PDB file of N, CA and C in Angstrom:
ATOM      1  N   MET A   1      86.599  89.061 149.815  1.00  0.00           N
ATOM      2  CA  MET A   1      85.909  88.089 149.080  1.00  0.00           C
ATOM      3  C   MET A   1      86.500  86.839 148.576  1.00  0.00           C
ATOM      4  N   GLY A   2      86.138  85.776 148.640  1.00  0.00           N
ATOM      5  CA  GLY A   2      86.965  84.644 148.055  1.00  0.00           C
ATOM      6  C   GLY A   2      86.687  84.380 146.630  1.00  0.00           C
ATOM      7  N   ASP A   3      86.620  83.183 146.144  1.00  0.00           N
ATOM      8  CA  ASP A   3      86.252  82.787 144.804  1.00  0.00           C
ATOM      9  C   ASP A   3      84.755  83.194 144.397  1.00  0.00           C
ATOM     10  N   THR A   4      84.730  84.095 143.337  1.00  0.00           N
ATOM     11  CA  THR A   4      83.400  84.554 143.028  1.00  0.00           C
ATOM     12  C   THR A   4      83.212  83.913 141.666  1.00  0.00           C
ATOM     13  N   THR A   5      81.912  83.599 141.346  1.00  0.00           N
ATOM     14  CA  THR A   5      81.454  83.321 140.037  1.00  0.00           C
ATOM     15  C   THR A   5      80.094  83.897 139.878  1.00  0.00           C
ATOM     16  N   GLY A   6      79.587  83.927 138.557  1.00  0.00           N
ATOM     17  CA  GLY A   6      78.334  84.760 138.400  1.00  0.00           C
ATOM     18  C   GLY A   6      77.990  84.529 136.992  1.00  0.00           C
ATOM     19  N   VAL A   7      76.472  84.920 136.881  1.00  0.00           N
ATOM     20  CA  VAL A   7      75.905  84.803 135.598  1.00  0.00           C
ATOM     21  C   VAL A   7      75.140  86.187 135.350  1.00  0.00           C
ATOM     22  N   ILE A   8      74.942  86.478 133.956  1.00  0.00           N
ATOM     23  CA  ILE A   8      74.071  87.561 133.603  1.00  0.00           C
ATOM     24  C   ILE A   8      72.838  86.944 132.846  1.00  0.00           C
ATOM     25  N   TYR A   9      71.672  87.434 133.310  1.00  0.00           N
ATOM     26  CA  TYR A   9      70.407  86.923 132.794  1.00  0.00           C
ATOM     27  C   TYR A   9      69.783  88.102 131.911  1.00  0.00           C
ATOM     28  N   SER A  10      69.732  87.937 130.633  1.00  0.00           N
ATOM     29  CA  SER A  10      69.037  89.037 129.717  1.00  0.00           C
ATOM     30  C   SER A  10      67.628  89.215 130.060  1.00  0.00           C
ATOM     31  N   PRO A  11      67.039  90.336 129.912  1.00  0.00           N
ATOM     32  CA  PRO A  11      65.758  90.799 130.408  1.00  0.00           C
ATOM     33  C   PRO A  11      64.712  89.892 129.468  1.00  0.00           C
ATOM     34  N   PRO A  12      63.695  89.609 130.051  1.00  0.00           N
ATOM     35  CA  PRO A  12      62.668  88.805 129.323  1.00  0.00           C
ATOM     36  C   PRO A  12      61.723  89.793 128.271  1.00  0.00           C
ATOM     37  N   LYS A  13      61.631  90.845 128.724  1.00  0.00           N
ATOM     38  CA  LYS A  13      61.022  91.982 127.937  1.00  0.00           C
ATOM     39  C   LYS A  13      61.803  93.233 127.884  1.00  0.00           C
ATOM     40  N   ILE A  14      61.665  93.886 126.841  1.00  0.00           N
ATOM     41  CA  ILE A  14      62.393  95.429 126.386  1.00  0.00           C
ATOM     42  C   ILE A  14      61.849  96.341 127.577  1.00  0.00           C
ATOM     43  N   GLY A  15      62.834  96.877 127.986  1.00  0.00           N
ATOM     44  CA  GLY A  15      62.691  97.917 129.052  1.00  0.00           C
ATOM     45  C   GLY A  15      62.844  97.458 130.481  1.00  0.00           C
ATOM     46  N   LEU A  16      63.059  95.962 130.629  1.00  0.00           N
ATOM     47  CA  LEU A  16      63.507  95.580 132.071  1.00  0.00           C
ATOM     48  C   LEU A  16      64.971  95.471 132.078  1.00  0.00           C
ATOM     49  N   PRO A  17      65.400  95.554 133.350  1.00  0.00           N
ATOM     50  CA  PRO A  17      66.825  95.401 133.514  1.00  0.00           C
ATOM     51  C   PRO A  17      67.479  94.162 133.464  1.00  0.00           C
ATOM     52  N   PHE A  18      68.802  94.037 133.061  1.00  0.00           N
ATOM     53  CA  PHE A  18      69.556  92.787 132.986  1.00  0.00           C
ATOM     54  C   PHE A  18      69.725  92.297 134.600  1.00  0.00           C
ATOM     55  N   LEU A  19      69.708  91.192 134.743  1.00  0.00           N
ATOM     56  CA  LEU A  19      69.996  90.524 136.286  1.00  0.00           C
ATOM     57  C   LEU A  19      71.291  90.050 136.497  1.00  0.00           C
ATOM     58  N   VAL A  20      72.196  90.427 137.264  1.00  0.00           N
ATOM     59  CA  VAL A  20      73.280  89.825 137.571  1.00  0.00           C
ATOM     60  C   VAL A  20      73.210  89.108 138.800  1.00  0.00           C
ATOM     61  N   VAL A  21      73.681  87.837 138.867  1.00  0.00           N
ATOM     62  CA  VAL A  21      73.723  86.925 140.121  1.00  0.00           C
ATOM     63  C   VAL A  21      75.158  86.446 140.331  1.00  0.00           C
ATOM     64  N   THR A  22      75.573  86.649 141.512  1.00  0.00           N
ATOM     65  CA  THR A  22      76.930  86.380 141.689  1.00  0.00           C
ATOM     66  C   THR A  22      76.797  85.277 142.963  1.00  0.00           C
ATOM     67  N   PHE A  23      77.958  84.332 142.904  1.00  0.00           N
ATOM     68  CA  PHE A  23      77.748  83.158 143.940  1.00  0.00           C
ATOM     69  C   PHE A  23      79.247  83.426 144.543  1.00  0.00           C
ATOM     70  N   ALA A  24      79.382  83.905 145.865  1.00  0.00           N
ATOM     71  CA  ALA A  24      80.512  83.989 146.585  1.00  0.00           C
ATOM     72  C   ALA A  24      80.550  83.466 148.052  1.00  0.00           C
ATOM     73  N   ASP A  25      81.501  82.687 148.527  1.00  0.00           N
ATOM     74  CA  ASP A  25      81.467  82.207 149.618  1.00  0.00           C
ATOM     75  C   ASP A  25      80.390  81.648 150.387  1.00  0.00           C
ATOM     76  N   GLY A  26      79.623  80.836 149.507  1.00  0.00           N
ATOM     77  CA  GLY A  26      78.261  80.554 150.129  1.00  0.00           C
ATOM     78  C   GLY A  26      77.093  81.177 149.876  1.00  0.00           C
ATOM     79  N   ALA A  27      77.187  82.518 149.473  1.00  0.00           N
ATOM     80  CA  ALA A  27      76.160  83.416 149.391  1.00  0.00           C
ATOM     81  C   ALA A  27      75.698  83.769 147.962  1.00  0.00           C
ATOM     82  N   ILE A  28      74.631  84.071 147.679  1.00  0.00           N
ATOM     83  CA  ILE A  28      74.010  84.433 146.382  1.00  0.00           C
ATOM     84  C   ILE A  28      73.729  85.991 146.564  1.00  0.00           C
ATOM     85  N   GLN A  29      74.013  86.708 145.512  1.00  0.00           N
ATOM     86  CA  GLN A  29      73.716  88.004 145.748  1.00  0.00           C
ATOM     87  C   GLN A  29      73.324  88.529 144.103  1.00  0.00           C
ATOM     88  N   THR A  30      72.112  89.241 144.186  1.00  0.00           N
ATOM     89  CA  THR A  30      71.357  89.795 142.830  1.00  0.00           C
ATOM     90  C   THR A  30      71.582  91.053 142.805  1.00  0.00           C
ATOM     91  N   GLN A  31      71.931  91.449 141.591  1.00  0.00           N
ATOM     92  CA  GLN A  31      71.953  92.946 141.112  1.00  0.00           C
ATOM     93  C   GLN A  31      71.218  93.222 139.832  1.00  0.00           C
ATOM     94  N   THR A  32      70.772  94.467 139.653  1.00  0.00           N
ATOM     95  CA  THR A  32      70.242  94.777 138.218  1.00  0.00           C
ATOM     96  C   THR A  32      71.296  95.914 137.713  1.00  0.00           C
ATOM     97  N   ALA A  33      71.101  95.762 136.236  1.00  0.00           N
ATOM     98  CA  ALA A  33      72.015  96.394 135.586  1.00  0.00           C
ATOM     99  C   ALA A  33      71.199  97.130 134.413  1.00  0.00           C
ATOM    100  N   ALA A  34      71.578  98.246 133.819  1.00  0.00           N
ATOM    101  CA  ALA A  34      70.598  98.843 132.948  1.00  0.00           C
ATOM    102  C   ALA A  34      71.002  98.211 131.497  1.00  0.00           C
ATOM    103  N   SER A  35      72.584  97.852 131.308  1.00  0.00           N
ATOM    104  CA  SER A  35      72.772  97.422 130.150  1.00  0.00           C
ATOM    105  C   SER A  35      73.715  96.217 130.287  1.00  0.00           C
ATOM    106  N   ARG A  36      74.189  95.363 129.208  1.00  0.00           N
ATOM    107  CA  ARG A  36      75.006  94.363 129.331  1.00  0.00           C
ATOM    108  C   ARG A  36      76.465  94.712 129.825  1.00  0.00           C
ATOM    109  N   SER A  37      76.971  95.846 129.196  1.00  0.00           N
ATOM    110  CA  SER A  37      78.168  96.262 129.624  1.00  0.00           C
ATOM    111  C   SER A  37      78.291  96.674 130.985  1.00  0.00           C
ATOM    112  N   GLU A  38      77.237  97.203 131.636  1.00  0.00           N
ATOM    113  CA  GLU A  38      77.362  97.667 133.136  1.00  0.00           C
ATOM    114  C   GLU A  38      77.223  96.122 133.839  1.00  0.00           C
ATOM    115  N   ALA A  39      76.449  95.271 133.390  1.00  0.00           N
ATOM    116  CA  ALA A  39      76.346  93.837 134.033  1.00  0.00           C
ATOM    117  C   ALA A  39      77.736  93.290 134.014  1.00  0.00           C
ATOM    118  N   ARG A  40      78.438  93.271 132.867  1.00  0.00           N
ATOM    119  CA  ARG A  40      79.825  92.791 132.756  1.00  0.00           C
ATOM    120  C   ARG A  40      80.731  93.403 133.803  1.00  0.00           C
ATOM    121  N   ALA A  41      80.657  94.827 133.813  1.00  0.00           N
ATOM    122  CA  ALA A  41      81.471  95.545 134.820  1.00  0.00           C
ATOM    123  C   ALA A  41      81.175  95.100 136.211  1.00  0.00           C
ATOM    124  N   MET A  42      79.935  94.900 136.525  1.00  0.00           N
ATOM    125  CA  MET A  42      79.607  94.293 137.890  1.00  0.00           C
ATOM    126  C   MET A  42      80.323  92.707 138.194  1.00  0.00           C
ATOM    127  N   LEU A  43      80.386  92.116 137.218  1.00  0.00           N
ATOM    128  CA  LEU A  43      80.917  90.708 137.556  1.00  0.00           C
ATOM    129  C   LEU A  43      82.409  90.888 137.444  1.00  0.00           C
ATOM    130  N   ALA A  44      83.080  91.838 136.988  1.00  0.00           N
ATOM    131  CA  ALA A  44      84.418  92.168 137.080  1.00  0.00           C
ATOM    132  C   ALA A  44      84.941  92.786 138.431  1.00  0.00           C
ATOM    133  N   GLY A  45      83.616  93.182 139.051  1.00  0.00           N
ATOM    134  CA  GLY A  45      84.065  93.852 140.356  1.00  0.00           C
ATOM    135  C   GLY A  45      84.327  95.346 140.277  1.00  0.00           C
ATOM    136  N   LYS A  46      84.011  95.869 139.140  1.00  0.00           N
ATOM    137  CA  LYS A  46      84.268  97.371 139.099  1.00  0.00           C
ATOM    138  C   LYS A  46      83.119  98.301 139.438  1.00  0.00           C
ATOM    139  N   THR A  47      81.922  97.698 139.598  1.00  0.00           N
ATOM    140  CA  THR A  47      80.792  98.641 139.831  1.00  0.00           C
ATOM    141  C   THR A  47      79.947  97.710 140.836  1.00  0.00           C
ATOM    142  N   ARG A  48      79.649  98.349 142.001  1.00  0.00           N
ATOM    143  CA  ARG A  48      78.569  97.393 142.927  1.00  0.00           C
ATOM    144  C   ARG A  48      77.622  98.234 143.216  1.00  0.00           C
ATOM    145  N   ARG A  49      76.364  97.689 143.017  1.00  0.00           N
ATOM    146  CA  ARG A  49      75.203  98.494 143.493  1.00  0.00           C
ATOM    147  C   ARG A  49      74.564  97.675 144.598  1.00  0.00           C
ATOM    148  N   PRO A  50      73.702  98.273 145.391  1.00  0.00           N
ATOM    149  CA  PRO A  50      73.024  97.382 146.619  1.00  0.00           C
ATOM    150  C   PRO A  50      72.120  96.396 146.061  1.00  0.00           C
ATOM    151  N   PRO A  51      71.675  95.215 146.606  1.00  0.00           N
ATOM    152  CA  PRO A  51      70.903  94.284 146.126  1.00  0.00           C
ATOM    153  C   PRO A  51      69.471  94.823 145.904  1.00  0.00           C
ATOM    154  N   ILE A  52      68.519  94.027 145.227  1.00  0.00           N
ATOM    155  CA  ILE A  52      67.373  94.575 144.470  1.00  0.00           C
ATOM    156  C   ILE A  52      66.471  94.966 145.763  1.00  0.00           C
ATOM    157  N   ALA A  53      66.444  94.228 146.863  1.00  0.00           N
ATOM    158  CA  ALA A  53      65.731  94.437 148.091  1.00  0.00           C
ATOM    159  C   ALA A  53      65.894  95.738 148.668  1.00  0.00           C
ATOM    160  N   ALA A  54      67.140  96.183 148.668  1.00  0.00           N
ATOM    161  CA  ALA A  54      67.574  97.387 149.303  1.00  0.00           C
ATOM    162  C   ALA A  54      67.270  98.493 148.474  1.00  0.00           C
ATOM    163  N   MET A  55      67.373  98.335 147.100  1.00  0.00           N
ATOM    164  CA  MET A  55      66.877  99.566 146.058  1.00  0.00           C
ATOM    165  C   MET A  55      65.451  99.861 146.169  1.00  0.00           C
ATOM    166  N   ASN A  56      64.806  98.752 146.393  1.00  0.00           N
ATOM    167  CA  ASN A  56      63.288  99.254 146.474  1.00  0.00           C
ATOM    168  C   ASN A  56      62.803  99.598 147.797  1.00  0.00           C
ATOM    169  N   GLY A  57      63.537  99.247 148.805  1.00  0.00           N
ATOM    170  CA  GLY A  57      63.105  99.584 150.042  1.00  0.00           C
ATOM    171  C   GLY A  57      62.378  98.610 150.918  1.00  0.00           C
ATOM    172  N   ASP A  58      62.386  97.402 150.043  1.00  0.00           N
ATOM    173  CA  ASP A  58      61.571  96.309 150.604  1.00  0.00           C
ATOM    174  C   ASP A  58      62.545  95.528 151.823  1.00  0.00           C
ATOM    175  N   LYS A  59      61.837  94.892 152.896  1.00  0.00           N
ATOM    176  CA  LYS A  59      62.439  94.097 153.728  1.00  0.00           C
ATOM    177  C   LYS A  59      62.757  92.554 152.892  1.00  0.00           C
ATOM    178  N   PRO A  60      63.733  91.985 153.390  1.00  0.00           N
ATOM    179  CA  PRO A  60      64.114  90.725 152.838  1.00  0.00           C
ATOM    180  C   PRO A  60      63.035  89.666 153.264  1.00  0.00           C
ATOM    181  N   ALA A  61      62.821  88.710 152.436  1.00  0.00           N
ATOM    182  CA  ALA A  61      61.899  87.771 152.936  1.00  0.00           C
ATOM    183  C   ALA A  61      62.332  87.171 154.170  1.00  0.00           C
ATOM    184  N   GLY A  62      61.086  87.019 154.959  1.00  0.00           N
ATOM    185  CA  GLY A  62      61.292  86.334 156.540  1.00  0.00           C
ATOM    186  C   GLY A  62      61.540  87.270 157.488  1.00  0.00           C
ATOM    187  N   VAL A  63      61.555  88.591 157.322  1.00  0.00           N
ATOM    188  CA  VAL A  63      61.644  89.692 158.200  1.00  0.00           C
ATOM    189  C   VAL A  63      60.084  90.026 158.448  1.00  0.00           C
ATOM    190  N   ALA A  64      59.786  90.038 159.755  1.00  0.00           N
ATOM    191  CA  ALA A  64      58.438  90.501 160.058  1.00  0.00           C
ATOM    192  C   ALA A  64      58.206  91.973 159.821  1.00  0.00           C
ATOM    193  N   LYS A  65      56.960  92.303 159.515  1.00  0.00           N
ATOM    194  CA  LYS A  65      56.809  93.778 159.493  1.00  0.00           C
ATOM    195  C   LYS A  65      56.262  94.363 160.800  1.00  0.00           C
ATOM    196  N   GLN A  66      56.616  95.428 160.996  1.00  0.00           N
ATOM    197  CA  GLN A  66      56.365  96.097 162.502  1.00  0.00           C
ATOM    198  C   GLN A  66      55.275  97.089 162.071  1.00  0.00           C
TER     199      GLN A  66
END
């Protein structure tokens, strides 16, 4: 992975997860974190979780349902 930058968004309501958005090599990746410290660890590259769509079992936008 090349140059990576990212940002942590705080949840708008209590009980929702933090959102970690990373930008690397022209791609955008989103991940959720239960706490700010977990989100910071994700940005540091210590913890990787699957993207939100993979966690929910949803297909990415633009994929036809069969």
